[in-house]
Amino acid sequence: MPQAPDYHEAGRRLFAATWDFRHASNTLEALPEPLGVEIALAGRSNVGKSSLINALTNRNALARTSHTPGRTQELIFFSANSPLTMVDMPGYGYAAVSDQKVKAWTRLIHDFLRGRVNLARVFVLIDARHGLKTTDDAVLKTLDLAAVVYQIVLTKVDEIKPAELEKRIAQTQAAIAKRPAAFPTILATSSRTGAGVEELRATIAQIVAERGGLTV
């Protein structure tokens, strides 16, 4: 029998490349041409999207991090010499900016998720300390209606005890079980300790390979 592909090694190679800022868009009209395979990271404000991008790419400051919710105010595109582009999305929910800006970002997020033709998967980041919240429902519903596959990634797992993490994973799996576009596997990560980062890289490498953009 043929040997199963080693997506962990493929993921390591994919993210060992030099990742750089490619583009920033605050309107649909300003989006770059859809090229290759895109994955996006979405989540509530201050959930740790930028920190996770930095951990994935082994860069300290590729994506700007801040303790102030609402720091990411555009769709930020990152790429390397590969068929993959990562998109850091504005955090939804609370942000330390005007209501008008929050509404504009929220509209941009939903429009992007509905209409981006090469968007292969959205990783919806959820703070492991708090789990899914009401503010996550609208984005999950948009993804379900648009038939865009999404996968839950728990962040900051180093800040809760193992037993609590197991409970949070089970709760999250139950909450998404009947959602049509939800990928069933929950990933648990920590940008600080590196927990789960290798598994996330492998998952992304598999997505790119299955889209024909990567040889494993």
N, C-alpha and C. Protein backbone atom coordinates (compact mmCIF):
# COMPACT_ATOMS: atom_id res chain seq x y z
N MET A 1 0.84 -1.20 0.00
CA MET A 1 0.00 0.00 0.00
C MET A 1 0.88 1.25 0.00
N PRO A 2 0.46 2.30 -0.71
CA PRO A 2 1.26 3.54 -0.71
C PRO A 2 1.26 4.18 0.67
N GLN A 3 2.38 4.78 1.00
CA GLN A 3 2.51 5.43 2.30
C GLN A 3 1.67 6.71 2.35
N ALA A 4 1.00 6.93 3.48
CA ALA A 4 0.18 8.13 3.64
C ALA A 4 1.06 9.37 3.62
N PRO A 5 0.58 10.44 3.01
CA PRO A 5 1.39 11.66 2.96
C PRO A 5 1.73 12.18 4.36
N ASP A 6 2.94 12.70 4.51
CA ASP A 6 3.37 13.29 5.78
C ASP A 6 3.08 14.79 5.73
N TYR A 7 1.90 15.16 6.16
CA TYR A 7 1.52 16.57 6.10
C TYR A 7 2.25 17.38 7.16
N HIS A 8 2.76 16.73 8.21
CA HIS A 8 3.53 17.48 9.20
C HIS A 8 4.82 18.02 8.58
N GLU A 9 5.50 17.18 7.81
CA GLU A 9 6.72 17.62 7.15
C GLU A 9 6.39 18.66 6.07
N ALA A 10 5.29 18.43 5.35
CA ALA A 10 4.87 19.41 4.34
C ALA A 10 4.53 20.75 4.99
N GLY A 11 3.90 20.69 6.15
CA GLY A 11 3.57 21.92 6.87
C GLY A 11 4.82 22.64 7.35
N ARG A 12 5.79 21.87 7.81
CA ARG A 12 7.05 22.48 8.25
C ARG A 12 7.71 23.21 7.10
N ARG A 13 7.76 22.56 5.92
CA ARG A 13 8.38 23.18 4.75
C ARG A 13 7.60 24.41 4.30
N LEU A 14 6.27 24.29 4.32
CA LEU A 14 5.42 25.39 3.86
C LEU A 14 5.66 26.65 4.66
N PHE A 15 5.83 26.50 5.97
CA PHE A 15 5.98 27.67 6.83
C PHE A 15 7.44 27.99 7.16
N ALA A 16 8.37 27.18 6.61
CA ALA A 16 9.79 27.52 6.76
C ALA A 16 10.21 28.59 5.76
N ALA A 17 9.35 28.83 4.77
CA ALA A 17 9.62 29.89 3.79
C ALA A 17 9.56 31.25 4.48
N THR A 18 10.04 32.26 3.78
CA THR A 18 10.01 33.62 4.32
C THR A 18 8.66 34.26 4.01
N TRP A 19 7.87 34.46 5.04
CA TRP A 19 6.54 35.05 4.89
C TRP A 19 6.62 36.56 5.04
N ASP A 20 5.87 37.26 4.17
CA ASP A 20 5.88 38.71 4.20
C ASP A 20 4.48 39.27 4.01
N PHE A 21 4.33 40.53 4.39
CA PHE A 21 3.10 41.26 4.12
C PHE A 21 2.91 41.38 2.61
N ARG A 22 1.67 41.13 2.13
CA ARG A 22 1.40 41.24 0.70
C ARG A 22 0.46 42.38 0.38
N HIS A 23 -0.61 42.55 1.15
CA HIS A 23 -1.65 43.50 0.77
C HIS A 23 -2.54 43.77 1.99
N ALA A 24 -3.18 44.95 2.00
CA ALA A 24 -4.18 45.28 3.02
C ALA A 24 -5.38 45.89 2.34
N SER A 25 -6.56 45.47 2.74
CA SER A 25 -7.80 45.96 2.11
C SER A 25 -8.81 46.32 3.18
N ASN A 26 -9.42 47.48 3.04
CA ASN A 26 -10.52 47.83 3.94
C ASN A 26 -11.84 47.93 3.20
N THR A 27 -11.83 47.59 1.91
CA THR A 27 -13.06 47.52 1.12
C THR A 27 -12.95 46.33 0.17
N LEU A 28 -14.10 45.85 -0.31
CA LEU A 28 -14.08 44.76 -1.27
C LEU A 28 -13.38 45.17 -2.56
N GLU A 29 -13.54 46.43 -2.95
CA GLU A 29 -12.94 46.91 -4.19
C GLU A 29 -11.42 46.89 -4.14
N ALA A 30 -10.87 46.96 -2.94
CA ALA A 30 -9.41 47.01 -2.79
C ALA A 30 -8.78 45.64 -2.59
N LEU A 31 -9.57 44.58 -2.70
CA LEU A 31 -9.02 43.24 -2.52
C LEU A 31 -8.04 42.91 -3.63
N PRO A 32 -6.98 42.15 -3.32
CA PRO A 32 -6.05 41.72 -4.37
C PRO A 32 -6.69 40.63 -5.23
N GLU A 33 -6.11 40.40 -6.39
CA GLU A 33 -6.60 39.33 -7.27
C GLU A 33 -6.50 37.99 -6.54
N PRO A 34 -7.54 37.17 -6.59
CA PRO A 34 -7.46 35.86 -5.92
C PRO A 34 -6.50 34.93 -6.63
N LEU A 35 -5.41 34.58 -5.96
CA LEU A 35 -4.38 33.72 -6.53
C LEU A 35 -4.15 32.52 -5.62
N GLY A 36 -3.96 31.35 -6.22
CA GLY A 36 -3.62 30.17 -5.44
C GLY A 36 -4.70 29.81 -4.44
N VAL A 37 -4.26 29.41 -3.26
CA VAL A 37 -5.16 28.96 -2.19
C VAL A 37 -5.09 29.95 -1.03
N GLU A 38 -6.24 30.38 -0.57
CA GLU A 38 -6.29 31.27 0.59
C GLU A 38 -6.93 30.56 1.77
N ILE A 39 -6.36 30.80 2.94
CA ILE A 39 -7.03 30.44 4.20
C ILE A 39 -7.13 31.72 5.02
N ALA A 40 -8.17 31.84 5.82
CA ALA A 40 -8.36 33.06 6.61
C ALA A 40 -8.46 32.70 8.08
N LEU A 41 -8.03 33.62 8.91
CA LEU A 41 -8.17 33.48 10.36
C LEU A 41 -9.15 34.54 10.84
N ALA A 42 -10.24 34.08 11.44
CA ALA A 42 -11.28 34.97 11.94
C ALA A 42 -11.44 34.73 13.44
N GLY A 43 -12.07 35.68 14.10
CA GLY A 43 -12.31 35.51 15.53
C GLY A 43 -12.67 36.82 16.20
N ARG A 44 -13.13 36.72 17.42
CA ARG A 44 -13.46 37.92 18.18
C ARG A 44 -12.19 38.76 18.40
N SER A 45 -12.41 40.02 18.65
CA SER A 45 -11.28 40.91 18.92
C SER A 45 -10.44 40.38 20.08
N ASN A 46 -9.13 40.42 19.89
CA ASN A 46 -8.16 40.06 20.92
C ASN A 46 -8.13 38.56 21.22
N VAL A 47 -8.56 37.74 20.25
CA VAL A 47 -8.56 36.29 20.46
C VAL A 47 -7.18 35.69 20.18
N GLY A 48 -6.32 36.44 19.49
CA GLY A 48 -4.96 35.95 19.28
C GLY A 48 -4.65 35.58 17.84
N LYS A 49 -5.35 36.19 16.86
CA LYS A 49 -5.09 35.86 15.46
C LYS A 49 -3.67 36.23 15.05
N SER A 50 -3.27 37.45 15.35
CA SER A 50 -1.94 37.91 14.93
C SER A 50 -0.84 37.09 15.59
N SER A 51 -1.01 36.77 16.86
CA SER A 51 -0.01 35.96 17.56
C SER A 51 0.11 34.58 16.94
N LEU A 52 -1.00 34.01 16.52
CA LEU A 52 -0.96 32.68 15.92
C LEU A 52 -0.29 32.72 14.55
N ILE A 53 -0.55 33.76 13.78
CA ILE A 53 0.13 33.92 12.49
C ILE A 53 1.64 34.02 12.70
N ASN A 54 2.06 34.78 13.68
CA ASN A 54 3.48 34.89 13.98
C ASN A 54 4.08 33.55 14.39
N ALA A 55 3.34 32.78 15.18
CA ALA A 55 3.81 31.46 15.60
C ALA A 55 3.91 30.51 14.42
N LEU A 56 2.91 30.53 13.54
CA LEU A 56 2.91 29.65 12.36
C LEU A 56 4.12 29.92 11.47
N THR A 57 4.43 31.19 11.28
CA THR A 57 5.47 31.59 10.33
C THR A 57 6.84 31.78 10.97
N ASN A 58 6.94 31.50 12.27
CA ASN A 58 8.20 31.67 12.98
C ASN A 58 8.73 33.09 12.89
N ARG A 59 7.81 34.04 12.87
CA ARG A 59 8.18 35.45 12.83
C ARG A 59 7.67 36.12 14.10
N ASN A 60 8.46 37.03 14.64
CA ASN A 60 8.06 37.71 15.87
C ASN A 60 7.05 38.83 15.63
N ALA A 61 7.11 39.44 14.46
CA ALA A 61 6.27 40.63 14.24
C ALA A 61 5.75 40.71 12.81
N LEU A 62 5.50 39.56 12.16
CA LEU A 62 4.91 39.61 10.83
C LEU A 62 3.53 40.25 10.92
N ALA A 63 2.71 39.72 11.83
CA ALA A 63 1.41 40.31 12.10
C ALA A 63 1.51 41.13 13.38
N ARG A 64 0.94 42.31 13.38
CA ARG A 64 1.02 43.19 14.54
C ARG A 64 0.11 42.65 15.65
N THR A 65 0.65 42.58 16.83
CA THR A 65 -0.14 42.14 17.98
C THR A 65 -0.35 43.31 18.93
N SER A 66 -1.45 43.24 19.66
CA SER A 66 -1.77 44.32 20.59
C SER A 66 -2.72 43.80 21.64
N HIS A 67 -2.64 44.36 22.85
CA HIS A 67 -3.61 44.03 23.90
C HIS A 67 -4.87 44.87 23.74
N THR A 68 -4.86 45.78 22.77
CA THR A 68 -6.03 46.62 22.54
C THR A 68 -6.91 46.01 21.47
N PRO A 69 -8.13 45.60 21.80
CA PRO A 69 -9.02 45.02 20.79
C PRO A 69 -9.25 46.01 19.64
N GLY A 70 -9.28 45.46 18.42
CA GLY A 70 -9.55 46.32 17.27
C GLY A 70 -8.31 46.84 16.59
N ARG A 71 -7.13 46.30 16.91
CA ARG A 71 -5.89 46.78 16.30
C ARG A 71 -5.87 46.46 14.80
N THR A 72 -6.28 45.24 14.44
CA THR A 72 -6.34 44.89 13.02
C THR A 72 -7.60 45.50 12.43
N GLN A 73 -7.45 46.45 11.51
CA GLN A 73 -8.58 47.21 10.99
C GLN A 73 -8.86 46.95 9.52
N GLU A 74 -8.11 46.02 8.91
CA GLU A 74 -8.28 45.69 7.50
C GLU A 74 -8.13 44.19 7.32
N LEU A 75 -8.41 43.72 6.12
CA LEU A 75 -8.05 42.37 5.74
C LEU A 75 -6.57 42.40 5.36
N ILE A 76 -5.74 41.68 6.11
CA ILE A 76 -4.30 41.71 5.89
C ILE A 76 -3.88 40.40 5.24
N PHE A 77 -3.23 40.49 4.08
CA PHE A 77 -2.81 39.31 3.32
C PHE A 77 -1.31 39.08 3.50
N PHE A 78 -0.95 37.83 3.81
CA PHE A 78 0.46 37.45 3.95
C PHE A 78 0.75 36.30 2.98
N SER A 79 1.92 36.32 2.38
CA SER A 79 2.27 35.26 1.44
C SER A 79 3.77 34.98 1.50
N ALA A 80 4.15 33.83 0.91
CA ALA A 80 5.55 33.45 0.77
C ALA A 80 5.73 32.93 -0.65
N ASN A 81 6.84 32.33 -0.93
CA ASN A 81 7.06 31.74 -2.25
C ASN A 81 6.36 30.38 -2.31
N SER A 82 5.04 30.42 -2.25
CA SER A 82 4.23 29.20 -2.21
C SER A 82 2.85 29.53 -2.74
N PRO A 83 2.02 28.52 -2.98
CA PRO A 83 0.67 28.79 -3.48
C PRO A 83 -0.31 29.25 -2.40
N LEU A 84 0.15 29.41 -1.17
CA LEU A 84 -0.74 29.73 -0.05
C LEU A 84 -0.68 31.21 0.31
N THR A 85 -1.85 31.80 0.56
CA THR A 85 -1.96 33.14 1.14
C THR A 85 -2.78 33.03 2.41
N MET A 86 -2.32 33.69 3.47
CA MET A 86 -3.08 33.75 4.73
C MET A 86 -3.68 35.13 4.88
N VAL A 87 -4.90 35.17 5.40
CA VAL A 87 -5.61 36.43 5.58
C VAL A 87 -5.93 36.62 7.06
N ASP A 88 -5.43 37.69 7.61
CA ASP A 88 -5.73 38.08 9.00
C ASP A 88 -6.93 39.03 8.94
N MET A 89 -8.04 38.62 9.53
CA MET A 89 -9.27 39.40 9.43
C MET A 89 -9.46 40.30 10.63
N PRO A 90 -10.16 41.43 10.47
CA PRO A 90 -10.46 42.27 11.63
C PRO A 90 -11.26 41.47 12.66
N GLY A 91 -10.95 41.67 13.91
CA GLY A 91 -11.70 41.00 14.95
C GLY A 91 -13.13 41.52 15.01
N TYR A 92 -14.07 40.61 15.21
CA TYR A 92 -15.46 41.05 15.34
C TYR A 92 -15.84 41.11 16.82
N GLY A 93 -16.97 41.72 17.09
CA GLY A 93 -17.36 41.92 18.49
C GLY A 93 -16.78 43.21 19.02
N TYR A 94 -16.43 43.22 20.30
CA TYR A 94 -15.94 44.44 20.95
C TYR A 94 -14.64 44.90 20.32
N ALA A 95 -14.50 46.17 20.12
CA ALA A 95 -13.23 46.78 19.72
C ALA A 95 -13.21 48.20 20.25
N ALA A 96 -12.00 48.66 20.58
CA ALA A 96 -11.85 49.98 21.19
C ALA A 96 -11.83 51.07 20.11
N VAL A 97 -12.84 51.06 19.27
CA VAL A 97 -12.99 52.07 18.22
C VAL A 97 -14.47 52.41 18.12
N SER A 98 -14.81 53.29 17.19
CA SER A 98 -16.19 53.74 17.07
C SER A 98 -17.11 52.62 16.57
N ASP A 99 -18.39 52.71 16.93
CA ASP A 99 -19.38 51.74 16.45
C ASP A 99 -19.45 51.72 14.93
N GLN A 100 -19.26 52.89 14.33
CA GLN A 100 -19.32 52.98 12.87
C GLN A 100 -18.23 52.13 12.22
N LYS A 101 -17.01 52.18 12.79
CA LYS A 101 -15.92 51.38 12.25
C LYS A 101 -16.18 49.89 12.46
N VAL A 102 -16.69 49.54 13.63
CA VAL A 102 -16.98 48.13 13.91
C VAL A 102 -18.00 47.60 12.91
N LYS A 103 -19.04 48.38 12.63
CA LYS A 103 -20.05 47.96 11.66
C LYS A 103 -19.45 47.81 10.26
N ALA A 104 -18.54 48.70 9.89
CA ALA A 104 -17.90 48.63 8.57
C ALA A 104 -17.03 47.38 8.47
N TRP A 105 -16.26 47.09 9.54
CA TRP A 105 -15.42 45.90 9.52
C TRP A 105 -16.28 44.64 9.44
N THR A 106 -17.34 44.63 10.23
CA THR A 106 -18.22 43.46 10.26
C THR A 106 -18.82 43.21 8.88
N ARG A 107 -19.25 44.26 8.21
CA ARG A 107 -19.82 44.13 6.86
C ARG A 107 -18.75 43.61 5.90
N LEU A 108 -17.52 44.11 6.02
CA LEU A 108 -16.43 43.67 5.16
C LEU A 108 -16.14 42.18 5.39
N ILE A 109 -16.10 41.77 6.63
CA ILE A 109 -15.84 40.37 6.96
C ILE A 109 -16.88 39.47 6.30
N HIS A 110 -18.15 39.80 6.47
CA HIS A 110 -19.21 38.96 5.94
C HIS A 110 -19.21 38.95 4.41
N ASP A 111 -18.97 40.10 3.79
CA ASP A 111 -18.92 40.16 2.33
C ASP A 111 -17.75 39.34 1.79
N PHE A 112 -16.60 39.44 2.44
CA PHE A 112 -15.42 38.68 2.03
C PHE A 112 -15.68 37.18 2.14
N LEU A 113 -16.25 36.76 3.25
CA LEU A 113 -16.49 35.33 3.46
C LEU A 113 -17.48 34.76 2.46
N ARG A 114 -18.42 35.59 2.04
CA ARG A 114 -19.42 35.10 1.09
C ARG A 114 -18.90 35.02 -0.34
N GLY A 115 -17.93 35.87 -0.69
CA GLY A 115 -17.62 36.03 -2.10
C GLY A 115 -16.22 35.68 -2.56
N ARG A 116 -15.34 35.25 -1.70
CA ARG A 116 -13.95 35.00 -2.09
C ARG A 116 -13.82 33.60 -2.71
N VAL A 117 -13.58 33.53 -4.01
CA VAL A 117 -13.69 32.27 -4.74
C VAL A 117 -12.59 31.27 -4.38
N ASN A 118 -11.42 31.73 -3.99
CA ASN A 118 -10.32 30.80 -3.71
C ASN A 118 -10.09 30.59 -2.21
N LEU A 119 -11.09 30.96 -1.42
CA LEU A 119 -10.98 30.77 0.03
C LEU A 119 -11.27 29.31 0.36
N ALA A 120 -10.24 28.58 0.76
CA ALA A 120 -10.37 27.13 0.96
C ALA A 120 -10.91 26.78 2.34
N ARG A 121 -10.51 27.53 3.35
CA ARG A 121 -11.01 27.26 4.70
C ARG A 121 -10.82 28.50 5.57
N VAL A 122 -11.75 28.67 6.48
CA VAL A 122 -11.64 29.73 7.48
C VAL A 122 -11.40 29.07 8.83
N PHE A 123 -10.34 29.47 9.49
CA PHE A 123 -10.08 29.01 10.84
C PHE A 123 -10.67 30.04 11.80
N VAL A 124 -11.70 29.63 12.52
CA VAL A 124 -12.37 30.53 13.46
C VAL A 124 -11.74 30.32 14.82
N LEU A 125 -11.04 31.35 15.29
CA LEU A 125 -10.32 31.24 16.55
C LEU A 125 -11.24 31.56 17.71
N ILE A 126 -11.18 30.70 18.71
CA ILE A 126 -12.00 30.84 19.91
C ILE A 126 -11.09 30.77 21.14
N ASP A 127 -11.21 31.74 22.03
CA ASP A 127 -10.43 31.74 23.26
C ASP A 127 -10.84 30.54 24.12
N ALA A 128 -9.90 29.65 24.39
CA ALA A 128 -10.22 28.43 25.13
C ALA A 128 -10.74 28.71 26.53
N ARG A 129 -10.43 29.87 27.07
CA ARG A 129 -10.90 30.19 28.43
C ARG A 129 -12.39 30.48 28.46
N HIS A 130 -12.94 30.87 27.30
CA HIS A 130 -14.34 31.33 27.29
C HIS A 130 -15.25 30.52 26.39
N GLY A 131 -14.72 29.86 25.36
CA GLY A 131 -15.54 29.07 24.46
C GLY A 131 -16.34 29.92 23.50
N LEU A 132 -17.23 29.28 22.76
CA LEU A 132 -18.07 29.98 21.79
C LEU A 132 -18.99 30.97 22.49
N LYS A 133 -19.15 32.15 21.89
CA LYS A 133 -20.02 33.19 22.43
C LYS A 133 -21.07 33.58 21.40
N THR A 134 -22.05 34.34 21.84
CA THR A 134 -23.10 34.80 20.93
C THR A 134 -22.53 35.57 19.76
N THR A 135 -21.46 36.32 19.99
CA THR A 135 -20.87 37.13 18.92
C THR A 135 -20.26 36.26 17.81
N ASP A 136 -20.00 34.99 18.09
CA ASP A 136 -19.47 34.09 17.06
C ASP A 136 -20.57 33.59 16.13
N ASP A 137 -21.81 33.60 16.59
CA ASP A 137 -22.91 32.96 15.84
C ASP A 137 -23.10 33.54 14.45
N ALA A 138 -23.04 34.87 14.33
CA ALA A 138 -23.31 35.51 13.04
C ALA A 138 -22.29 35.10 11.99
N VAL A 139 -21.02 35.02 12.38
CA VAL A 139 -19.98 34.62 11.42
C VAL A 139 -20.14 33.15 11.05
N LEU A 140 -20.42 32.30 12.01
CA LEU A 140 -20.63 30.88 11.71
C LEU A 140 -21.84 30.69 10.79
N LYS A 141 -22.88 31.47 11.02
CA LYS A 141 -24.07 31.39 10.16
C LYS A 141 -23.73 31.84 8.74
N THR A 142 -22.96 32.92 8.61
CA THR A 142 -22.54 33.39 7.28
C THR A 142 -21.77 32.30 6.55
N LEU A 143 -20.85 31.64 7.24
CA LEU A 143 -20.05 30.58 6.63
C LEU A 143 -20.91 29.39 6.25
N ASP A 144 -21.87 29.04 7.10
CA ASP A 144 -22.79 27.95 6.78
C ASP A 144 -23.59 28.26 5.51
N LEU A 145 -24.12 29.47 5.43
CA LEU A 145 -24.94 29.85 4.28
C LEU A 145 -24.11 29.94 3.00
N ALA A 146 -22.86 30.36 3.13
CA ALA A 146 -21.99 30.48 1.97
C ALA A 146 -21.32 29.17 1.60
N ALA A 147 -21.51 28.15 2.44
CA ALA A 147 -20.90 26.84 2.23
C ALA A 147 -19.37 26.92 2.19
N VAL A 148 -18.81 27.80 3.03
CA VAL A 148 -17.36 27.90 3.18
C VAL A 148 -16.96 27.05 4.39
N VAL A 149 -16.12 26.07 4.15
CA VAL A 149 -15.71 25.19 5.24
C VAL A 149 -14.93 25.98 6.28
N TYR A 150 -15.27 25.79 7.53
CA TYR A 150 -14.53 26.46 8.61
C TYR A 150 -14.20 25.44 9.70
N GLN A 151 -13.15 25.77 10.42
CA GLN A 151 -12.66 24.88 11.47
C GLN A 151 -12.35 25.71 12.71
N ILE A 152 -12.77 25.21 13.85
CA ILE A 152 -12.55 25.92 15.11
C ILE A 152 -11.14 25.65 15.61
N VAL A 153 -10.44 26.73 15.98
CA VAL A 153 -9.12 26.63 16.59
C VAL A 153 -9.20 27.30 17.96
N LEU A 154 -9.02 26.52 19.00
CA LEU A 154 -8.98 27.08 20.34
C LEU A 154 -7.62 27.70 20.57
N THR A 155 -7.59 28.91 21.11
CA THR A 155 -6.33 29.61 21.38
C THR A 155 -6.12 29.73 22.89
N LYS A 156 -4.88 30.06 23.26
CA LYS A 156 -4.51 30.32 24.66
C LYS A 156 -4.79 29.12 25.55
N VAL A 157 -4.56 27.90 25.02
CA VAL A 157 -4.86 26.70 25.80
C VAL A 157 -3.90 26.52 26.98
N ASP A 158 -2.78 27.22 26.95
CA ASP A 158 -1.85 27.14 28.07
C ASP A 158 -2.40 27.83 29.32
N GLU A 159 -3.47 28.60 29.16
CA GLU A 159 -4.01 29.36 30.29
C GLU A 159 -5.15 28.64 31.00
N ILE A 160 -5.45 27.40 30.59
CA ILE A 160 -6.45 26.61 31.31
C ILE A 160 -5.88 25.24 31.62
N LYS A 161 -6.48 24.55 32.57
CA LYS A 161 -6.01 23.23 32.98
C LYS A 161 -6.44 22.18 31.95
N PRO A 162 -5.68 21.08 31.85
CA PRO A 162 -5.99 20.03 30.87
C PRO A 162 -7.43 19.51 30.95
N ALA A 163 -7.94 19.32 32.14
CA ALA A 163 -9.31 18.81 32.29
C ALA A 163 -10.32 19.82 31.75
N GLU A 164 -10.05 21.10 31.99
CA GLU A 164 -10.94 22.14 31.50
C GLU A 164 -10.87 22.22 29.97
N LEU A 165 -9.68 22.00 29.41
CA LEU A 165 -9.52 22.01 27.96
C LEU A 165 -10.32 20.87 27.33
N GLU A 166 -10.24 19.69 27.92
CA GLU A 166 -11.01 18.55 27.39
C GLU A 166 -12.50 18.87 27.39
N LYS A 167 -12.96 19.48 28.45
CA LYS A 167 -14.37 19.86 28.55
C LYS A 167 -14.73 20.90 27.49
N ARG A 168 -13.84 21.87 27.26
CA ARG A 168 -14.10 22.92 26.28
C ARG A 168 -14.15 22.33 24.87
N ILE A 169 -13.26 21.39 24.56
CA ILE A 169 -13.26 20.75 23.25
C ILE A 169 -14.57 20.00 23.03
N ALA A 170 -15.01 19.26 24.05
CA ALA A 170 -16.26 18.51 23.94
C ALA A 170 -17.46 19.44 23.76
N GLN A 171 -17.47 20.54 24.50
CA GLN A 171 -18.56 21.52 24.38
C GLN A 171 -18.60 22.12 22.98
N THR A 172 -17.42 22.44 22.45
CA THR A 172 -17.34 23.05 21.13
C THR A 172 -17.77 22.07 20.05
N GLN A 173 -17.33 20.83 20.16
CA GLN A 173 -17.74 19.82 19.18
C GLN A 173 -19.26 19.64 19.18
N ALA A 174 -19.85 19.64 20.36
CA ALA A 174 -21.31 19.51 20.45
C ALA A 174 -22.01 20.71 19.83
N ALA A 175 -21.43 21.89 20.02
CA ALA A 175 -22.06 23.12 19.53
C ALA A 175 -22.05 23.22 18.01
N ILE A 176 -21.03 22.64 17.36
CA ILE A 176 -20.93 22.76 15.90
C ILE A 176 -21.40 21.50 15.18
N ALA A 177 -21.83 20.50 15.91
CA ALA A 177 -22.14 19.19 15.32
C ALA A 177 -23.17 19.28 14.20
N LYS A 178 -24.15 20.17 14.33
CA LYS A 178 -25.21 20.25 13.34
C LYS A 178 -25.02 21.39 12.34
N ARG A 179 -23.88 22.05 12.41
CA ARG A 179 -23.62 23.15 11.48
C ARG A 179 -23.08 22.57 10.17
N PRO A 180 -23.69 22.89 9.04
CA PRO A 180 -23.37 22.20 7.79
C PRO A 180 -21.96 22.44 7.25
N ALA A 181 -21.35 23.58 7.52
CA ALA A 181 -20.03 23.87 6.94
C ALA A 181 -18.89 23.68 7.93
N ALA A 182 -19.20 23.24 9.13
CA ALA A 182 -18.17 23.11 10.16
C ALA A 182 -17.36 21.83 9.98
N PHE A 183 -16.04 21.96 9.98
CA PHE A 183 -15.15 20.80 9.96
C PHE A 183 -15.13 20.23 11.38
N PRO A 184 -15.27 18.91 11.53
CA PRO A 184 -15.50 18.36 12.86
C PRO A 184 -14.32 18.38 13.82
N THR A 185 -13.10 18.44 13.31
CA THR A 185 -11.93 18.36 14.19
C THR A 185 -11.62 19.72 14.81
N ILE A 186 -11.53 19.76 16.13
CA ILE A 186 -11.17 20.98 16.86
C ILE A 186 -9.66 20.98 17.09
N LEU A 187 -9.01 22.08 16.76
CA LEU A 187 -7.58 22.21 17.02
C LEU A 187 -7.36 23.06 18.26
N ALA A 188 -6.40 22.67 19.09
CA ALA A 188 -6.11 23.39 20.34
C ALA A 188 -4.69 23.92 20.26
N THR A 189 -4.52 25.24 20.42
CA THR A 189 -3.21 25.86 20.21
C THR A 189 -2.84 26.84 21.30
N SER A 190 -1.56 27.09 21.38
CA SER A 190 -1.03 28.17 22.21
C SER A 190 0.11 28.84 21.46
N SER A 191 -0.03 30.11 21.16
CA SER A 191 1.05 30.83 20.48
C SER A 191 2.25 31.00 21.40
N ARG A 192 2.01 31.03 22.70
CA ARG A 192 3.10 31.26 23.66
C ARG A 192 3.98 30.03 23.82
N THR A 193 3.35 28.84 23.93
CA THR A 193 4.13 27.62 24.15
C THR A 193 4.38 26.84 22.86
N GLY A 194 3.63 27.16 21.82
CA GLY A 194 3.77 26.42 20.57
C GLY A 194 2.89 25.18 20.49
N ALA A 195 2.11 24.93 21.52
CA ALA A 195 1.23 23.75 21.52
C ALA A 195 0.26 23.81 20.34
N GLY A 196 0.16 22.71 19.60
CA GLY A 196 -0.80 22.61 18.52
C GLY A 196 -0.42 23.34 17.24
N VAL A 197 0.67 24.10 17.25
CA VAL A 197 1.04 24.87 16.06
C VAL A 197 1.46 23.95 14.92
N GLU A 198 2.23 22.90 15.25
CA GLU A 198 2.65 21.94 14.23
C GLU A 198 1.44 21.26 13.60
N GLU A 199 0.47 20.91 14.41
CA GLU A 199 -0.73 20.25 13.89
C GLU A 199 -1.52 21.20 12.97
N LEU A 200 -1.58 22.48 13.32
CA LEU A 200 -2.25 23.45 12.47
C LEU A 200 -1.51 23.62 11.15
N ARG A 201 -0.17 23.66 11.20
CA ARG A 201 0.60 23.73 9.95
C ARG A 201 0.29 22.53 9.06
N ALA A 202 0.25 21.34 9.66
CA ALA A 202 -0.03 20.13 8.89
C ALA A 202 -1.43 20.17 8.27
N THR A 203 -2.39 20.69 9.02
CA THR A 203 -3.76 20.81 8.51
C THR A 203 -3.80 21.75 7.31
N ILE A 204 -3.11 22.87 7.42
CA ILE A 204 -3.08 23.83 6.31
C ILE A 204 -2.38 23.23 5.10
N ALA A 205 -1.28 22.51 5.33
CA ALA A 205 -0.56 21.87 4.22
C ALA A 205 -1.45 20.86 3.51
N GLN A 206 -2.25 20.12 4.26
CA GLN A 206 -3.16 19.16 3.64
C GLN A 206 -4.20 19.86 2.78
N ILE A 207 -4.72 20.98 3.25
CA ILE A 207 -5.70 21.76 2.48
C ILE A 207 -5.10 22.20 1.16
N VAL A 208 -3.87 22.74 1.21
CA VAL A 208 -3.21 23.23 0.00
C VAL A 208 -2.94 22.07 -0.96
N ALA A 209 -2.47 20.94 -0.41
CA ALA A 209 -2.18 19.77 -1.24
C ALA A 209 -3.44 19.25 -1.92
N GLU A 210 -4.54 19.22 -1.19
CA GLU A 210 -5.78 18.70 -1.77
C GLU A 210 -6.37 19.64 -2.82
N ARG A 211 -5.95 20.90 -2.78
CA ARG A 211 -6.35 21.85 -3.83
C ARG A 211 -5.38 21.82 -5.02
N GLY A 212 -4.42 20.92 -4.96
CA GLY A 212 -3.49 20.79 -6.07
C GLY A 212 -2.36 21.78 -6.05
N GLY A 213 -2.18 22.48 -4.93
CA GLY A 213 -1.17 23.52 -4.87
C GLY A 213 0.13 23.12 -4.17
N LEU A 214 0.23 21.84 -3.77
CA LEU A 214 1.41 21.42 -3.01
C LEU A 214 1.64 19.95 -3.26
N THR A 215 2.88 19.60 -3.52
CA THR A 215 3.26 18.19 -3.71
C THR A 215 3.81 17.66 -2.39
N VAL A 216 3.24 16.56 -1.91
CA VAL A 216 3.66 15.99 -0.63
C VAL A 216 4.44 14.71 -0.90
